[in-house]
Each structure stands twice: as structure tokens, then as C-alpha cells.
Amino acid sequence: MLYEYNGRRPTVGKDSYVSDIAHVIGDVAIGDNCYIGHGAILRGDYGSIVIGSGTAVEEGVVVHAPPDKFCRIGERVTIGHGAIIHAAMVGNSVVIGMGAILSIYSEVGADTIIAEGSVVRMRQIIESGVVAGGNPIRVIRTIAPKDIEYWTMGKELYIDLAKKYLEKGMRPL
């Protein structure tokens, strides 16, 4: 569900699916071919959120931005179920594992995987092209071709799922 707040209105790009039970509030710009899952909360109430095209925000994710600041999420990003994103920037083709936390003003470089349940601390910067995990988070290794192959397929699943939801819709029973 889209909500205007204090004169701030969400925008949704072409062929993007936003669940009726998601809450997209205020200054949130969603790119094309995105999936915003059931129960997701995107709060652009006093900050701004920009989500790049081809991005999947899975079920139960919370995204928020600090007052008068931006939370920028790149293109073809996968944000796993239950993650909390309060970051300043998430680069293109990033994977954020289920239940991970990206704290205020943190940054994640492009082509990076953040493992499930990991915690990226306030203002921490994770470089591009790595797999990082833990609490506190640390770099585990560089990204491998098998990672790119697997997550490319995973990203296509959600782009296709968004299209199917738009085409077929849902109906309550």
C-alpha cells in the first residue's frame, strides 16, 4: 500500500510489484521491474529512499533513511527476508542475506554479498566484490564466478515473480 505523508509521495516504476500489505510511506522512489514483498516497510517519512530497477525487497524487510538524508539502494539488489536497511548506500548487484542489519550511514559496495544475520555497524563501509559476514561483520573472501551465476538466477526469479503478481494478481479467500 502506498501512503502520502507530509506532502511526500512514493513513486513506482514500470512493471514493479508492490504488495498490498507492504507499507511504502512518503519519499520513496522505486525503479522499474522491482519486487516489494508482503509485509515490507519502506519509510520515507523524514528521509528519502531510492530503489534501483530490478531490485527485490523481500518479505518483512524494513528500509528507513535518517532525517533529510538518503538511503540509496542500487540496481538488481536482493534484500532477503527480514533484513533491516538503514544504510546510506547499497551498490548495484548486492545481496543482503535474510535477517541482516545495515546500520545508519553504512555503505556496501557493488557486487557484494552480506551473509544472513550479519551486522554492518554505523558508518561502516564494506568494499565491492566481497562476501562478508558475522557480528561484527568482516570480509570472508572475494566474490567468485559461482556466486555471480547463482545470484543472477536468483535476481531473475524475483523480476519474473513481480511480473506474475502483476499479471495474475492475488485474491483473498
Protein backbone atom coordinates (compact mmCIF):
# COMPACT_ATOMS: atom_id res chain seq x y z
CA MET A 1 0.00 0.00 0.00
CA LEU A 2 1.32 3.44 -0.90
CA TYR A 3 0.97 6.30 1.57
CA GLU A 4 1.47 10.04 1.21
CA TYR A 5 2.99 11.60 4.31
CA ASN A 6 3.53 15.31 4.96
CA GLY A 7 3.40 16.11 1.23
CA ARG A 8 5.86 13.32 0.36
CA ARG A 9 4.58 10.73 -2.14
CA PRO A 10 6.01 7.39 -3.28
CA THR A 11 6.64 6.70 -6.97
CA VAL A 12 6.69 3.25 -8.51
CA GLY A 13 8.38 2.39 -11.81
CA LYS A 14 7.09 0.37 -14.73
CA ASP A 15 6.39 -3.34 -14.16
CA SER A 16 7.17 -3.10 -10.43
CA TYR A 17 5.04 -5.03 -7.97
CA VAL A 18 4.26 -3.58 -4.54
CA SER A 19 2.29 -5.90 -2.26
CA ASP A 20 -0.98 -4.56 -0.89
CA ILE A 21 0.27 -5.47 2.56
CA ALA A 22 3.60 -3.68 2.18
CA HIS A 23 3.80 -0.12 3.52
CA VAL A 24 5.56 2.37 1.26
CA ILE A 25 5.44 5.72 3.02
CA GLY A 26 6.46 9.17 1.83
CA ASP A 27 9.51 9.95 -0.32
CA VAL A 28 10.26 6.53 -1.77
CA ALA A 29 11.24 6.13 -5.43
CA ILE A 30 11.01 2.54 -6.70
CA GLY A 31 12.60 1.78 -10.09
CA ASP A 32 11.32 -0.47 -12.87
CA ASN A 33 10.91 -4.26 -12.57
CA CYS A 34 11.14 -4.29 -8.78
CA TYR A 35 9.51 -6.63 -6.27
CA ILE A 36 8.37 -5.18 -2.93
CA GLY A 37 7.19 -8.14 -0.87
CA HIS A 38 4.42 -8.72 1.61
CA GLY A 39 4.95 -7.00 4.93
CA ALA A 40 7.88 -4.88 3.75
CA ILE A 41 8.06 -1.37 5.23
CA LEU A 42 9.78 1.42 3.30
CA ARG A 43 9.70 4.60 5.40
CA GLY A 44 10.50 7.77 3.50
CA ASP A 45 8.77 9.88 6.13
CA TYR A 46 11.58 12.28 7.01
CA GLY A 47 14.36 10.95 4.79
CA SER A 48 14.34 9.70 1.20
CA ILE A 49 14.67 6.18 -0.20
CA VAL A 50 15.72 5.42 -3.78
CA ILE A 51 15.49 1.82 -5.01
CA GLY A 52 17.11 0.94 -8.34
CA SER A 53 15.50 -1.08 -11.11
CA GLY A 54 15.40 -4.88 -10.87
CA THR A 55 15.67 -4.86 -7.08
CA ALA A 56 13.84 -7.31 -4.80
CA VAL A 57 12.83 -6.19 -1.30
CA GLU A 58 11.62 -9.46 0.17
CA GLU A 59 9.01 -10.09 2.86
CA GLY A 60 9.37 -8.38 6.21
CA VAL A 61 12.21 -6.05 5.19
CA VAL A 62 12.39 -2.61 6.84
CA VAL A 63 14.08 0.26 4.98
CA HIS A 64 14.44 3.72 6.53
CA ALA A 65 16.51 6.87 6.00
CA PRO A 66 17.73 9.41 8.56
CA PRO A 67 16.14 12.89 8.62
CA ASP A 68 16.85 14.84 5.42
CA LYS A 69 19.24 12.09 4.18
CA PHE A 70 19.06 9.37 1.55
CA CYS A 71 19.08 5.60 1.65
CA ARG A 72 20.15 4.65 -1.89
CA ILE A 73 19.74 1.03 -2.95
CA GLY A 74 21.26 0.16 -6.33
CA GLU A 75 20.00 -1.81 -9.29
CA ARG A 76 19.48 -5.59 -9.20
CA VAL A 77 19.87 -5.79 -5.43
CA THR A 78 18.35 -8.66 -3.46
CA ILE A 79 17.36 -7.84 0.13
CA GLY A 80 16.49 -11.04 1.99
CA HIS A 81 13.52 -11.67 4.24
CA GLY A 82 13.52 -9.72 7.49
CA ALA A 83 16.58 -7.57 6.80
CA ILE A 84 16.81 -4.06 8.25
CA ILE A 85 18.33 -1.43 5.97
CA HIS A 86 19.18 1.97 7.42
CA ALA A 87 22.24 2.38 5.22
CA ALA A 88 23.38 5.39 3.24
CA MET A 89 24.21 3.33 0.14
CA VAL A 90 23.89 -0.21 -1.17
CA GLY A 91 25.67 -0.69 -4.51
CA ASN A 92 24.43 -2.43 -7.63
CA SER A 93 24.06 -6.23 -7.69
CA VAL A 94 24.42 -6.59 -3.91
CA VAL A 95 22.84 -9.46 -1.98
CA ILE A 96 21.76 -8.74 1.60
CA GLY A 97 21.07 -12.02 3.41
CA MET A 98 17.97 -12.74 5.46
CA GLY A 99 17.90 -11.01 8.82
CA ALA A 100 20.98 -8.88 8.15
CA ILE A 101 21.20 -5.38 9.61
CA LEU A 102 22.80 -2.43 7.83
CA SER A 103 23.03 0.32 10.42
CA ILE A 104 22.78 4.08 9.96
CA TYR A 105 25.10 5.64 7.36
CA SER A 106 26.75 2.33 6.47
CA GLU A 107 27.73 1.58 2.87
CA VAL A 108 28.01 -1.65 0.88
CA GLY A 109 29.96 -1.65 -2.38
CA ALA A 110 28.71 -3.17 -5.64
CA ASP A 111 28.76 -6.93 -6.32
CA THR A 112 28.98 -7.79 -2.63
CA ILE A 113 27.20 -10.45 -0.58
CA ILE A 114 26.29 -9.75 3.04
CA ALA A 115 25.66 -13.08 4.78
CA GLU A 116 22.46 -13.88 6.66
CA GLY A 117 22.17 -12.39 10.13
CA SER A 118 25.21 -10.16 9.72
CA VAL A 119 25.52 -6.73 11.28
CA VAL A 120 27.11 -3.84 9.40
CA ARG A 121 27.82 -1.20 12.04
CA MET A 122 27.05 2.52 11.90
CA ARG A 123 29.19 4.30 9.27
CA GLN A 124 31.00 1.05 8.37
CA ILE A 125 31.97 0.65 4.71
CA ILE A 126 32.09 -2.80 3.09
CA GLU A 127 34.15 -2.85 -0.10
CA SER A 128 32.95 -4.00 -3.52
CA GLY A 129 33.24 -7.57 -4.76
CA VAL A 130 33.43 -9.45 -1.46
CA VAL A 131 31.48 -11.85 0.70
CA ALA A 132 31.20 -10.52 4.26
CA GLY A 133 29.51 -11.95 7.33
CA GLY A 134 29.28 -12.07 11.09
CA ASN A 135 28.63 -9.78 14.02
CA PRO A 136 30.63 -7.68 13.86
CA ILE A 137 30.86 -8.18 10.11
CA ARG A 138 34.18 -8.98 8.44
CA VAL A 139 35.26 -9.77 4.90
CA ILE A 140 35.39 -13.55 4.39
CA ARG A 141 36.56 -13.77 0.77
CA THR A 142 36.29 -12.21 -2.65
CA ILE A 143 33.25 -12.88 -4.81
CA ALA A 144 33.55 -15.96 -7.05
CA PRO A 145 32.06 -16.68 -10.50
CA LYS A 146 29.75 -19.30 -8.91
CA ASP A 147 28.32 -16.57 -6.62
CA ILE A 148 27.57 -14.32 -9.58
CA GLU A 149 25.97 -17.19 -11.51
CA TYR A 150 23.77 -18.24 -8.59
CA TRP A 151 22.61 -14.73 -7.64
CA THR A 152 21.99 -13.69 -11.24
CA MET A 153 19.49 -16.55 -11.41
CA GLY A 154 18.02 -15.51 -8.02
CA LYS A 155 17.52 -11.93 -9.16
CA GLU A 156 15.71 -13.08 -12.32
CA LEU A 157 13.35 -15.15 -10.16
CA TYR A 158 12.11 -12.03 -8.38
CA ILE A 159 11.86 -9.94 -11.56
CA ASP A 160 9.73 -12.76 -13.02
CA LEU A 161 7.72 -13.07 -9.79
CA ALA A 162 6.89 -9.34 -9.89
CA LYS A 163 5.58 -9.75 -13.45
CA LYS A 164 3.48 -12.78 -12.44
CA TYR A 165 1.94 -10.96 -9.48
CA LEU A 166 1.07 -8.03 -11.76
CA GLU A 167 -0.41 -10.32 -14.44
CA LYS A 168 -2.27 -12.78 -12.25
CA GLY A 169 -2.93 -10.74 -9.14
CA MET A 170 -3.98 -12.19 -5.80
CA ARG A 171 -7.44 -12.67 -4.40
CA PRO A 172 -8.40 -13.18 -0.80
CA LEU A 173 -10.19 -16.39 0.09
